[in-house]
Amino acid sequence: MAQATAANAERKVWSGGRSPFNVSYGKMMMWFFLLSDAFTFGSFLISYGTTRFFSAVWPDPNKVFHAFPFMGEANLPLLFVSLMTFILIMSSVTMVLAVHAGHYGDRKGVIKWLLFTIIGGICFLSCQAWEWTHLSHQGAWWGSFTDINTAKETFEHFFNSKTIDNPAFKTGAGLQATHDFYNYFFTITGFHGGHVLSGVVFLIIALINTVNGTYDKRGHYEMIEKIGLYWHFVDLVWVFVFTCFYLL
């Protein structure tokens, strides 16, 4: 009898019983994906930090990011990116509320909060598009600052007066620093923006499925939770991007 019980227990354990991790397969795979994505973002930011650490001079964020839409030449350092950050953080809050509504099977609540989250993501992407456009009008783009004879007058206004007076600046270090800064900036913020865009697409699909009652038929809203994990990850990464490029 004891041997039969042990055999039955063994068959139960190895026949797809309760997961020892107490998490669904879908959520576990999402965590694995986010972990690998974190390594990618981490590699980008570490490379950026290393380049900056070994540079004698570096552009001043207060000089680079001082513009605001429809404000002309007003000098408003970091105000616009602060608005972008606020929008993304609020979209994370609405995502939490959507997941919470899903736990209670509140389809109307899920629809409402997903819609607000989508609007927040679109607003963030619109702000990023404006920022990129504004910088490109200043001559900043991938590989733009390569010729000191044509770029000198353009890039100097990205530095504070103390940096411009640095002897290293006059040897071409300022041009190289500007070149490196914008190559990293457009690469990393573009990579992050691609994640936000993907997240908005996922949210729109989830919204359509919610409206059609797909998750009610399944009996759970786990897909909303998985998309929520992805969206919170994107928001968290922005905190590091914001710190590295706009504050330091």
Foldseek 3Di string as FASTA:
>chain_A
DVVVVVVVVVCCVPVDHQDPVNDDPLLVVLVVVLVVVVVVLVVLLVVLVVVVVPFPDAFAQQLLAQDDPPPPPHGRRPPLVVVLLVLLVVLLVLLVQLQVCQVVVNLVSVLVSLVSSLVSLVVSLVSVVVSVVVVVVLQFDQPRLDDCVPCVVSQPSRHDPVRCPDPVVVVCSSSVNSNSLRNSLCVSVVVLNVLSVVLSVLSVVLSVCSVVCVQVVVVGDVSSVSSSVSSVSSSVSVVVVCCSNNPD
